[in-house]
PDB file of N, CA and C in Angstrom:
ATOM      1  N   MET A   1       0.924 -21.603 -81.119  1.00  0.00           N
ATOM      2  CA  MET A   1       0.557 -21.025 -79.267  1.00  0.00           C
ATOM      3  C   MET A   1      -0.310 -21.239 -78.413  1.00  0.00           C
ATOM      4  N   GLN A   2       0.791 -21.864 -76.938  1.00  0.00           N
ATOM      5  CA  GLN A   2      -0.533 -22.629 -76.062  1.00  0.00           C
ATOM      6  C   GLN A   2      -1.434 -21.584 -75.506  1.00  0.00           C
ATOM      7  N   THR A   3      -3.120 -21.745 -75.383  1.00  0.00           N
ATOM      8  CA  THR A   3      -4.286 -20.880 -74.603  1.00  0.00           C
ATOM      9  C   THR A   3      -3.900 -20.841 -73.290  1.00  0.00           C
ATOM     10  N   GLN A   4      -3.933 -19.725 -72.168  1.00  0.00           N
ATOM     11  CA  GLN A   4      -3.640 -20.296 -71.212  1.00  0.00           C
ATOM     12  C   GLN A   4      -4.583 -21.651 -70.392  1.00  0.00           C
ATOM     13  N   LEU A   5      -4.105 -22.269 -69.686  1.00  0.00           N
ATOM     14  CA  LEU A   5      -5.082 -23.228 -68.983  1.00  0.00           C
ATOM     15  C   LEU A   5      -5.414 -22.445 -67.076  1.00  0.00           C
ATOM     16  N   SER A   6      -5.977 -22.897 -66.887  1.00  0.00           N
ATOM     17  CA  SER A   6      -6.952 -22.498 -65.974  1.00  0.00           C
ATOM     18  C   SER A   6      -5.432 -22.870 -64.423  1.00  0.00           C
ATOM     19  N   ILE A   7      -5.644 -21.608 -63.687  1.00  0.00           N
ATOM     20  CA  ILE A   7      -4.299 -21.708 -62.845  1.00  0.00           C
ATOM     21  C   ILE A   7      -4.343 -22.880 -61.827  1.00  0.00           C
ATOM     22  N   THR A   8      -5.639 -23.477 -61.284  1.00  0.00           N
ATOM     23  CA  THR A   8      -5.495 -24.826 -60.675  1.00  0.00           C
ATOM     24  C   THR A   8      -4.634 -26.212 -61.694  1.00  0.00           C
ATOM     25  N   ALA A   9      -5.093 -26.141 -63.006  1.00  0.00           N
ATOM     26  CA  ALA A   9      -4.161 -27.098 -63.536  1.00  0.00           C
ATOM     27  C   ALA A   9      -2.944 -26.625 -63.939  1.00  0.00           C
ATOM     28  N   LEU A  10      -2.402 -26.193 -63.946  1.00  0.00           N
ATOM     29  CA  LEU A  10      -1.196 -25.498 -63.882  1.00  0.00           C
ATOM     30  C   LEU A  10      -0.530 -25.655 -62.207  1.00  0.00           C
ATOM     31  N   SER A  11      -1.284 -25.206 -61.953  1.00  0.00           N
ATOM     32  CA  SER A  11      -0.354 -26.003 -60.507  1.00  0.00           C
ATOM     33  C   SER A  11      -0.129 -26.880 -59.871  1.00  0.00           C
ATOM     34  N   LEU A  12      -0.982 -27.535 -60.322  1.00  0.00           N
ATOM     35  CA  LEU A  12      -0.845 -29.341 -60.051  1.00  0.00           C
ATOM     36  C   LEU A  12      -0.119 -29.834 -61.162  1.00  0.00           C
ATOM     37  N   ALA A  13      -0.060 -28.739 -62.095  1.00  0.00           N
ATOM     38  CA  ALA A  13       1.110 -29.788 -62.844  1.00  0.00           C
ATOM     39  C   ALA A  13       2.474 -29.629 -62.228  1.00  0.00           C
ATOM     40  N   ASP A  14       2.721 -28.102 -61.930  1.00  0.00           N
ATOM     41  CA  ASP A  14       3.870 -27.584 -61.906  1.00  0.00           C
ATOM     42  C   ASP A  14       4.278 -28.286 -60.628  1.00  0.00           C
ATOM     43  N   GLN A  15       3.629 -28.467 -60.014  1.00  0.00           N
ATOM     44  CA  GLN A  15       3.351 -29.779 -58.163  1.00  0.00           C
ATOM     45  C   GLN A  15       4.593 -31.044 -58.821  1.00  0.00           C
ATOM     46  N   LEU A  16       3.243 -31.859 -59.831  1.00  0.00           N
ATOM     47  CA  LEU A  16       3.567 -32.558 -60.242  1.00  0.00           C
ATOM     48  C   LEU A  16       5.007 -32.805 -60.984  1.00  0.00           C
ATOM     49  N   LYS A  17       5.336 -31.881 -61.487  1.00  0.00           N
ATOM     50  CA  LYS A  17       6.461 -31.670 -62.377  1.00  0.00           C
ATOM     51  C   LYS A  17       7.398 -31.988 -61.589  1.00  0.00           C
ATOM     52  N   ALA A  18       7.370 -30.694 -60.237  1.00  0.00           N
ATOM     53  CA  ALA A  18       8.546 -30.598 -59.113  1.00  0.00           C
ATOM     54  C   ALA A  18       9.087 -32.109 -58.406  1.00  0.00           C
ATOM     55  N   THR A  19       7.667 -32.069 -57.780  1.00  0.00           N
ATOM     56  CA  THR A  19       7.231 -34.237 -57.299  1.00  0.00           C
ATOM     57  C   THR A  19       8.190 -34.702 -57.741  1.00  0.00           C
ATOM     58  N   THR A  20       7.575 -34.958 -59.237  1.00  0.00           N
ATOM     59  CA  THR A  20       8.399 -36.532 -59.828  1.00  0.00           C
ATOM     60  C   THR A  20      10.185 -36.271 -60.248  1.00  0.00           C
ATOM     61  N   GLY A  21      10.457 -34.797 -60.660  1.00  0.00           N
ATOM     62  CA  GLY A  21      10.806 -34.840 -61.355  1.00  0.00           C
ATOM     63  C   GLY A  21      10.926 -35.170 -63.677  1.00  0.00           C
ATOM     64  N   ALA A  22      10.039 -35.268 -63.388  1.00  0.00           N
ATOM     65  CA  ALA A  22      10.227 -35.848 -64.905  1.00  0.00           C
ATOM     66  C   ALA A  22       9.242 -34.704 -65.376  1.00  0.00           C
ATOM     67  N   GLU A  23       9.568 -34.309 -66.964  1.00  0.00           N
ATOM     68  CA  GLU A  23       9.034 -33.424 -67.571  1.00  0.00           C
ATOM     69  C   GLU A  23       7.815 -34.065 -67.994  1.00  0.00           C
ATOM     70  N   ASP A  24       6.978 -35.020 -68.292  1.00  0.00           N
ATOM     71  CA  ASP A  24       6.053 -35.588 -68.398  1.00  0.00           C
ATOM     72  C   ASP A  24       5.535 -36.292 -67.351  1.00  0.00           C
ATOM     73  N   PRO A  25       4.905 -36.190 -66.006  1.00  0.00           N
ATOM     74  CA  PRO A  25       5.046 -37.145 -65.517  1.00  0.00           C
ATOM     75  C   PRO A  25       3.477 -38.333 -66.085  1.00  0.00           C
ATOM     76  N   LEU A  26       3.583 -39.418 -65.251  1.00  0.00           N
ATOM     77  CA  LEU A  26       2.221 -40.056 -65.446  1.00  0.00           C
ATOM     78  C   LEU A  26       1.458 -39.839 -64.156  1.00  0.00           C
ATOM     79  N   LEU A  27       0.469 -39.938 -64.511  1.00  0.00           N
ATOM     80  CA  LEU A  27      -0.687 -39.392 -64.054  1.00  0.00           C
ATOM     81  C   LEU A  27      -1.448 -40.651 -63.671  1.00  0.00           C
ATOM     82  N   ASP A  28      -2.304 -40.760 -62.357  1.00  0.00           N
ATOM     83  CA  ASP A  28      -3.325 -41.970 -62.340  1.00  0.00           C
ATOM     84  C   ASP A  28      -4.541 -41.237 -62.575  1.00  0.00           C
ATOM     85  N   VAL A  29      -6.240 -41.603 -62.572  1.00  0.00           N
ATOM     86  CA  VAL A  29      -7.143 -41.635 -62.653  1.00  0.00           C
ATOM     87  C   VAL A  29      -7.286 -40.694 -61.653  1.00  0.00           C
ATOM     88  N   ARG A  30      -6.882 -40.964 -60.411  1.00  0.00           N
ATOM     89  CA  ARG A  30      -7.420 -39.739 -59.951  1.00  0.00           C
ATOM     90  C   ARG A  30      -7.025 -38.202 -59.504  1.00  0.00           C
ATOM     91  N   GLN A  31      -5.721 -38.542 -60.149  1.00  0.00           N
ATOM     92  CA  GLN A  31      -4.359 -37.017 -60.535  1.00  0.00           C
ATOM     93  C   GLN A  31      -4.904 -36.262 -61.769  1.00  0.00           C
ATOM     94  N   VAL A  32      -5.707 -37.424 -62.913  1.00  0.00           N
ATOM     95  CA  VAL A  32      -6.428 -36.819 -64.134  1.00  0.00           C
ATOM     96  C   VAL A  32      -7.792 -36.409 -63.994  1.00  0.00           C
ATOM     97  N   ALA A  33      -8.065 -36.668 -62.778  1.00  0.00           N
ATOM     98  CA  ALA A  33      -9.774 -36.617 -62.676  1.00  0.00           C
ATOM     99  C   ALA A  33      -9.286 -34.826 -61.738  1.00  0.00           C
ATOM    100  N   ALA A  34      -8.843 -34.664 -61.009  1.00  0.00           N
ATOM    101  CA  ALA A  34      -8.029 -33.439 -60.025  1.00  0.00           C
ATOM    102  C   ALA A  34      -7.805 -32.106 -61.250  1.00  0.00           C
ATOM    103  N   VAL A  35      -7.034 -32.698 -61.958  1.00  0.00           N
ATOM    104  CA  VAL A  35      -6.912 -31.708 -62.959  1.00  0.00           C
ATOM    105  C   VAL A  35      -7.325 -31.123 -64.210  1.00  0.00           C
ATOM    106  N   ARG A  36      -8.375 -32.317 -64.345  1.00  0.00           N
ATOM    107  CA  ARG A  36      -9.640 -31.766 -65.433  1.00  0.00           C
ATOM    108  C   ARG A  36     -10.475 -31.761 -64.712  1.00  0.00           C
ATOM    109  N   HIS A  37     -10.487 -31.599 -63.284  1.00  0.00           N
ATOM    110  CA  HIS A  37     -12.214 -30.938 -62.506  1.00  0.00           C
ATOM    111  C   HIS A  37     -12.916 -32.007 -62.703  1.00  0.00           C
ATOM    112  N   GLU A  38     -12.642 -33.160 -62.827  1.00  0.00           N
ATOM    113  CA  GLU A  38     -14.084 -34.168 -62.315  1.00  0.00           C
ATOM    114  C   GLU A  38     -13.747 -34.942 -62.291  1.00  0.00           C
ATOM    115  N   SER A  39     -14.649 -36.613 -62.427  1.00  0.00           N
ATOM    116  CA  SER A  39     -14.975 -36.705 -61.215  1.00  0.00           C
ATOM    117  C   SER A  39     -14.168 -38.390 -62.081  1.00  0.00           C
ATOM    118  N   VAL A  40     -13.991 -39.296 -61.244  1.00  0.00           N
ATOM    119  CA  VAL A  40     -12.985 -40.551 -61.688  1.00  0.00           C
ATOM    120  C   VAL A  40     -13.844 -41.901 -62.990  1.00  0.00           C
ATOM    121  N   PRO A  41     -15.046 -41.179 -62.390  1.00  0.00           N
ATOM    122  CA  PRO A  41     -16.083 -42.277 -63.448  1.00  0.00           C
ATOM    123  C   PRO A  41     -16.596 -41.265 -64.598  1.00  0.00           C
ATOM    124  N   THR A  42     -16.552 -39.842 -64.597  1.00  0.00           N
ATOM    125  CA  THR A  42     -16.670 -39.288 -65.456  1.00  0.00           C
ATOM    126  C   THR A  42     -14.996 -39.533 -66.372  1.00  0.00           C
ATOM    127  N   ILE A  43     -13.873 -39.836 -66.059  1.00  0.00           N
ATOM    128  CA  ILE A  43     -12.887 -39.770 -66.818  1.00  0.00           C
ATOM    129  C   ILE A  43     -13.116 -41.359 -67.930  1.00  0.00           C
ATOM    130  N   TRP A  44     -13.331 -41.916 -67.085  1.00  0.00           N
ATOM    131  CA  TRP A  44     -13.808 -43.200 -67.490  1.00  0.00           C
ATOM    132  C   TRP A  44     -14.429 -43.452 -68.931  1.00  0.00           C
ATOM    133  N   ARG A  45     -15.516 -42.400 -68.499  1.00  0.00           N
ATOM    134  CA  ARG A  45     -16.911 -41.688 -69.584  1.00  0.00           C
ATOM    135  C   ARG A  45     -16.003 -40.858 -71.009  1.00  0.00           C
ATOM    136  N   ARG A  46     -15.783 -40.183 -70.791  1.00  0.00           N
ATOM    137  CA  ARG A  46     -14.421 -39.493 -71.462  1.00  0.00           C
ATOM    138  C   ARG A  46     -13.520 -40.302 -72.197  1.00  0.00           C
ATOM    139  N   VAL A  47     -12.815 -41.121 -71.981  1.00  0.00           N
ATOM    140  CA  VAL A  47     -12.140 -42.536 -72.291  1.00  0.00           C
ATOM    141  C   VAL A  47     -13.233 -43.581 -73.400  1.00  0.00           C
ATOM    142  N   ALA A  48     -13.841 -43.387 -72.443  1.00  0.00           N
ATOM    143  CA  ALA A  48     -14.946 -44.050 -73.965  1.00  0.00           C
ATOM    144  C   ALA A  48     -15.819 -43.614 -75.113  1.00  0.00           C
ATOM    145  N   GLU A  49     -15.641 -41.997 -74.666  1.00  0.00           N
ATOM    146  CA  GLU A  49     -16.183 -41.522 -75.688  1.00  0.00           C
ATOM    147  C   GLU A  49     -15.336 -40.693 -76.835  1.00  0.00           C
ATOM    148  N   GLY A  50     -14.047 -41.090 -76.257  1.00  0.00           N
ATOM    149  CA  GLY A  50     -12.965 -40.716 -77.058  1.00  0.00           C
ATOM    150  C   GLY A  50     -12.448 -39.204 -76.848  1.00  0.00           C
ATOM    151  N   SER A  51     -12.636 -38.237 -75.967  1.00  0.00           N
ATOM    152  CA  SER A  51     -11.926 -36.689 -76.032  1.00  0.00           C
ATOM    153  C   SER A  51     -11.599 -37.219 -74.556  1.00  0.00           C
ATOM    154  N   LEU A  52     -11.150 -38.173 -73.930  1.00  0.00           N
ATOM    155  CA  LEU A  52     -10.305 -38.485 -73.673  1.00  0.00           C
ATOM    156  C   LEU A  52      -9.209 -39.459 -74.062  1.00  0.00           C
ATOM    157  N   PRO A  53      -7.900 -39.245 -74.247  1.00  0.00           N
ATOM    158  CA  PRO A  53      -6.872 -40.522 -74.948  1.00  0.00           C
ATOM    159  C   PRO A  53      -7.143 -41.517 -74.144  1.00  0.00           C
ATOM    160  N   ARG A  54      -6.798 -42.640 -74.369  1.00  0.00           N
ATOM    161  CA  ARG A  54      -6.645 -43.935 -74.176  1.00  0.00           C
ATOM    162  C   ARG A  54      -5.470 -43.699 -72.561  1.00  0.00           C
ATOM    163  N   PRO A  55      -5.795 -44.566 -71.644  1.00  0.00           N
ATOM    164  CA  PRO A  55      -4.076 -44.570 -70.656  1.00  0.00           C
ATOM    165  C   PRO A  55      -3.210 -45.884 -71.488  1.00  0.00           C
ATOM    166  N   LEU A  56      -1.990 -45.562 -70.483  1.00  0.00           N
ATOM    167  CA  LEU A  56      -0.858 -46.127 -70.509  1.00  0.00           C
ATOM    168  C   LEU A  56      -1.012 -47.119 -70.187  1.00  0.00           C
ATOM    169  N   LYS A  57      -1.044 -48.476 -70.651  1.00  0.00           N
ATOM    170  CA  LYS A  57      -0.965 -50.078 -69.449  1.00  0.00           C
ATOM    171  C   LYS A  57       0.645 -50.188 -69.127  1.00  0.00           C
ATOM    172  N   LEU A  58       0.435 -50.065 -67.804  1.00  0.00           N
ATOM    173  CA  LEU A  58       1.545 -50.681 -67.388  1.00  0.00           C
ATOM    174  C   LEU A  58       1.691 -51.761 -66.432  1.00  0.00           C
ATOM    175  N   GLY A  59       1.776 -52.584 -66.794  1.00  0.00           N
ATOM    176  CA  GLY A  59       0.938 -54.155 -66.256  1.00  0.00           C
ATOM    177  C   GLY A  59      -0.335 -54.069 -65.994  1.00  0.00           C
ATOM    178  N   ARG A  60      -1.199 -53.900 -64.663  1.00  0.00           N
ATOM    179  CA  ARG A  60      -2.401 -53.404 -64.107  1.00  0.00           C
ATOM    180  C   ARG A  60      -2.863 -52.258 -63.680  1.00  0.00           C
ATOM    181  N   LEU A  61      -1.831 -51.589 -64.053  1.00  0.00           N
ATOM    182  CA  LEU A  61      -1.071 -49.527 -64.203  1.00  0.00           C
ATOM    183  C   LEU A  61      -2.347 -49.336 -65.463  1.00  0.00           C
ATOM    184  N   SER A  62      -3.331 -48.360 -65.240  1.00  0.00           N
ATOM    185  CA  SER A  62      -3.411 -47.149 -66.362  1.00  0.00           C
ATOM    186  C   SER A  62      -2.775 -45.629 -65.469  1.00  0.00           C
ATOM    187  N   ARG A  63      -2.014 -45.149 -66.376  1.00  0.00           N
ATOM    188  CA  ARG A  63      -1.161 -43.595 -66.560  1.00  0.00           C
ATOM    189  C   ARG A  63      -1.812 -43.063 -68.136  1.00  0.00           C
ATOM    190  N   TRP A  64      -1.330 -41.521 -67.786  1.00  0.00           N
ATOM    191  CA  TRP A  64      -1.379 -40.720 -68.661  1.00  0.00           C
ATOM    192  C   TRP A  64      -0.764 -39.833 -68.411  1.00  0.00           C
ATOM    193  N   PRO A  65       0.508 -39.589 -69.370  1.00  0.00           N
ATOM    194  CA  PRO A  65       0.988 -38.869 -69.842  1.00  0.00           C
ATOM    195  C   PRO A  65       0.481 -37.318 -69.261  1.00  0.00           C
ATOM    196  N   LEU A  66       1.084 -36.681 -68.643  1.00  0.00           N
ATOM    197  CA  LEU A  66       0.385 -35.062 -68.411  1.00  0.00           C
ATOM    198  C   LEU A  66      -0.152 -34.441 -69.573  1.00  0.00           C
ATOM    199  N   SER A  67       1.339 -34.571 -70.290  1.00  0.00           N
ATOM    200  CA  SER A  67       1.421 -33.894 -71.730  1.00  0.00           C
ATOM    201  C   SER A  67       0.034 -34.474 -72.540  1.00  0.00           C
ATOM    202  N   GLU A  68      -0.159 -35.261 -72.526  1.00  0.00           N
ATOM    203  CA  GLU A  68      -1.940 -35.934 -72.992  1.00  0.00           C
ATOM    204  C   GLU A  68      -3.167 -35.325 -72.492  1.00  0.00           C
ATOM    205  N   VAL A  69      -3.135 -35.010 -70.926  1.00  0.00           N
ATOM    206  CA  VAL A  69      -4.432 -34.849 -70.654  1.00  0.00           C
ATOM    207  C   VAL A  69      -4.571 -33.111 -70.528  1.00  0.00           C
ATOM    208  N   LEU A  70      -3.480 -32.125 -70.235  1.00  0.00           N
ATOM    209  CA  LEU A  70      -3.160 -30.786 -70.737  1.00  0.00           C
ATOM    210  C   LEU A  70      -3.728 -30.531 -71.922  1.00  0.00           C
ATOM    211  N   GLY A  71      -2.890 -31.547 -73.335  1.00  0.00           N
ATOM    212  CA  GLY A  71      -3.553 -31.533 -74.821  1.00  0.00           C
ATOM    213  C   GLY A  71      -5.046 -31.643 -74.829  1.00  0.00           C
ATOM    214  N   SER A  72      -6.139 -32.911 -73.693  1.00  0.00           N
ATOM    215  CA  SER A  72      -7.132 -32.647 -74.489  1.00  0.00           C
ATOM    216  C   SER A  72      -8.209 -31.091 -73.618  1.00  0.00           C
ATOM    217  N   ILE A  73      -7.620 -30.800 -72.949  1.00  0.00           N
ATOM    218  CA  ILE A  73      -8.142 -29.278 -72.176  1.00  0.00           C
ATOM    219  C   ILE A  73      -7.886 -28.743 -73.538  1.00  0.00           C
ATOM    220  N   GLU A  74      -6.860 -28.702 -73.938  1.00  0.00           N
ATOM    221  CA  GLU A  74      -6.857 -27.072 -75.432  1.00  0.00           C
ATOM    222  C   GLU A  74      -7.364 -28.056 -76.192  1.00  0.00           C
ATOM    223  N   ARG A  75      -7.861 -29.299 -76.545  1.00  0.00           N
ATOM    224  CA  ARG A  75      -9.209 -29.951 -77.729  1.00  0.00           C
ATOM    225  C   ARG A  75      -9.990 -29.193 -77.333  1.00  0.00           C
ATOM    226  N   ALA A  76     -10.730 -29.234 -76.074  1.00  0.00           N
ATOM    227  CA  ALA A  76     -11.709 -28.860 -76.218  1.00  0.00           C
ATOM    228  C   ALA A  76     -12.130 -27.639 -76.238  1.00  0.00           C
ATOM    229  N   LYS A  77     -10.795 -26.904 -75.483  1.00  0.00           N
ATOM    230  CA  LYS A  77     -11.158 -25.013 -75.765  1.00  0.00           C
ATOM    231  C   LYS A  77     -11.503 -24.886 -77.230  1.00  0.00           C
ATOM    232  N   ALA A  78     -10.499 -25.664 -77.867  1.00  0.00           N
ATOM    233  CA  ALA A  78     -10.234 -25.499 -79.358  1.00  0.00           C
ATOM    234  C   ALA A  78     -11.718 -25.163 -79.917  1.00  0.00           C
ATOM    235  N   ALA A  79     -12.622 -26.551 -79.954  1.00  0.00           N
ATOM    236  CA  ALA A  79     -13.617 -27.074 -79.864  1.00  0.00           C
ATOM    237  C   ALA A  79     -15.401 -25.771 -79.675  1.00  0.00           C
ATOM    238  N   ARG A  80     -14.700 -25.390 -78.479  1.00  0.00           N
ATOM    239  CA  ARG A  80     -15.492 -24.949 -77.854  1.00  0.00           C
ATOM    240  C   ARG A  80     -15.538 -23.050 -78.834  1.00  0.00           C
ATOM    241  N   SER A  81     -14.665 -22.461 -78.995  1.00  0.00           N
ATOM    242  CA  SER A  81     -14.372 -21.450 -79.595  1.00  0.00           C
ATOM    243  C   SER A  81     -14.864 -21.457 -80.831  1.00  0.00           C
ATOM    244  N   LEU A  82     -14.592 -22.888 -81.560  1.00  0.00           N
ATOM    245  CA  LEU A  82     -15.419 -23.115 -83.642  1.00  0.00           C
ATOM    246  C   LEU A  82     -16.989 -22.874 -82.825  1.00  0.00           C
ATOM    247  N   VAL A  83     -17.571 -22.897 -82.248  1.00  0.00           N
ATOM    248  CA  VAL A  83     -19.270 -23.146 -82.336  1.00  0.00           C
ATOM    249  C   VAL A  83     -19.600 -21.993 -81.470  1.00  0.00           C
ATOM    250  N   ALA A  84     -18.587 -20.611 -81.070  1.00  0.00           N
ATOM    251  CA  ALA A  84     -18.968 -20.187 -80.055  1.00  0.00           C
ATOM    252  C   ALA A  84     -20.055 -19.163 -81.234  1.00  0.00           C
ATOM    253  N   GLY A  85     -20.372 -18.646 -82.024  1.00  0.00           N
ATOM    254  CA  GLY A  85     -21.459 -18.095 -82.981  1.00  0.00           C
ATOM    255  C   GLY A  85     -22.545 -18.766 -82.374  1.00  0.00           C
ATOM    256  N   GLY A  86     -22.802 -20.507 -82.026  1.00  0.00           N
ATOM    257  CA  GLY A  86     -23.865 -20.159 -82.116  1.00  0.00           C
ATOM    258  C   GLY A  86     -24.710 -19.741 -80.489  1.00  0.00           C
ATOM    259  N   PRO A  87     -26.464 -20.259 -80.251  1.00  0.00           N
ATOM    260  CA  PRO A  87     -26.384 -19.409 -79.069  1.00  0.00           C
ATOM    261  C   PRO A  87     -26.038 -19.707 -77.904  1.00  0.00           C
ATOM    262  N   ALA A  88     -26.222 -19.094 -77.215  1.00  0.00           N
ATOM    263  CA  ALA A  88     -25.273 -19.196 -75.518  1.00  0.00           C
ATOM    264  C   ALA A  88     -26.403 -20.154 -75.096  1.00  0.00           C
ATOM    265  N   ARG A  89     -27.593 -20.243 -75.399  1.00  0.00           N
ATOM    266  CA  ARG A  89     -28.640 -21.752 -74.336  1.00  0.00           C
ATOM    267  C   ARG A  89     -29.579 -21.206 -74.898  1.00  0.00           C
ATOM    268  N   ALA A  90     -29.781 -23.064 -75.100  1.00  0.00           N
ATOM    269  CA  ALA A  90     -30.759 -23.920 -75.732  1.00  0.00           C
ATOM    270  C   ALA A  90     -32.872 -23.248 -75.255  1.00  0.00           C
ATOM    271  N   SER A  91     -33.291 -22.969 -76.509  1.00  0.00           N
ATOM    272  CA  SER A  91     -34.927 -22.873 -75.999  1.00  0.00           C
ATOM    273  C   SER A  91     -35.455 -24.111 -75.991  1.00  0.00           C
ATOM    274  N   SER A  92     -36.744 -23.356 -74.831  1.00  0.00           N
ATOM    275  CA  SER A  92     -37.385 -24.752 -74.378  1.00  0.00           C
ATOM    276  C   SER A  92     -37.583 -25.789 -75.977  1.00  0.00           C
ATOM    277  N   VAL A  93     -37.717 -25.261 -76.974  1.00  0.00           N
ATOM    278  CA  VAL A  93     -38.286 -26.371 -78.561  1.00  0.00           C
ATOM    279  C   VAL A  93     -37.060 -26.726 -78.472  1.00  0.00           C
ATOM    280  N   GLN A  94     -35.607 -26.309 -78.383  1.00  0.00           N
ATOM    281  CA  GLN A  94     -34.867 -27.596 -78.515  1.00  0.00           C
ATOM    282  C   GLN A  94     -34.107 -28.610 -77.787  1.00  0.00           C
ATOM    283  N   LEU A  95     -34.681 -28.032 -76.223  1.00  0.00           N
ATOM    284  CA  LEU A  95     -34.788 -29.368 -74.890  1.00  0.00           C
ATOM    285  C   LEU A  95     -35.747 -30.038 -75.403  1.00  0.00           C
ATOM    286  N   TRP A  96     -37.062 -29.938 -75.372  1.00  0.00           N
ATOM    287  CA  TRP A  96     -37.966 -30.935 -75.097  1.00  0.00           C
ATOM    288  C   TRP A  96     -38.929 -30.539 -76.241  1.00  0.00           C
ATOM    289  N   GLY A  97     -38.682 -30.267 -77.150  1.00  0.00           N
ATOM    290  CA  GLY A  97     -39.659 -30.061 -78.819  1.00  0.00           C
ATOM    291  C   GLY A  97     -40.629 -29.419 -78.133  1.00  0.00           C
ATOM    292  N   VAL A  98     -40.646 -28.285 -77.216  1.00  0.00           N
ATOM    293  CA  VAL A  98     -42.120 -28.058 -77.179  1.00  0.00           C
ATOM    294  C   VAL A  98     -42.821 -26.912 -77.488  1.00  0.00           C
ATOM    295  N   LYS A  99     -43.809 -27.058 -78.268  1.00  0.00           N
ATOM    296  CA  LYS A  99     -43.814 -25.359 -79.098  1.00  0.00           C
ATOM    297  C   LYS A  99     -45.247 -24.435 -78.292  1.00  0.00           C
ATOM    298  N   HIS A 100     -44.974 -23.436 -77.540  1.00  0.00           N
ATOM    299  CA  HIS A 100     -46.077 -23.029 -77.441  1.00  0.00           C
ATOM    300  C   HIS A 100     -47.400 -22.175 -77.845  1.00  0.00           C
ATOM    301  N   ALA A 101     -48.182 -23.013 -78.176  1.00  0.00           N
ATOM    302  CA  ALA A 101     -49.134 -21.775 -78.708  1.00  0.00           C
ATOM    303  C   ALA A 101     -49.643 -20.540 -78.199  1.00  0.00           C
ATOM    304  N   ASN A 102     -49.371 -19.380 -79.142  1.00  0.00           N
ATOM    305  CA  ASN A 102     -49.911 -18.167 -78.421  1.00  0.00           C
ATOM    306  C   ASN A 102     -51.366 -18.173 -79.032  1.00  0.00           C
ATOM    307  N   PRO A 103     -51.930 -17.877 -77.475  1.00  0.00           N
ATOM    308  CA  PRO A 103     -53.213 -17.342 -77.657  1.00  0.00           C
ATOM    309  C   PRO A 103     -54.058 -16.543 -78.421  1.00  0.00           C
TER     310      PRO A 103
END
């Protein structure tokens, strides 16, 4: 069962499928950034850290299948729900290691 993606990502995915006629179109880095609502440098950072699959190399071109981009979003959502029981915000002690003395 696939959970619902954002309306923008789905409509962009539908537009890409309609434009190319392909069931699983190949996206360039700018299109991937648009689908994920991230910058191009962030896309390359996600590839380096492993949260986004490496692109297919077609000569000098880098392309991602749309299904893999949407799958990376679904994996991020699934990982988020696994840690949903944790605190919503980090305290100042967690962020800065600061301990406040009570007078």
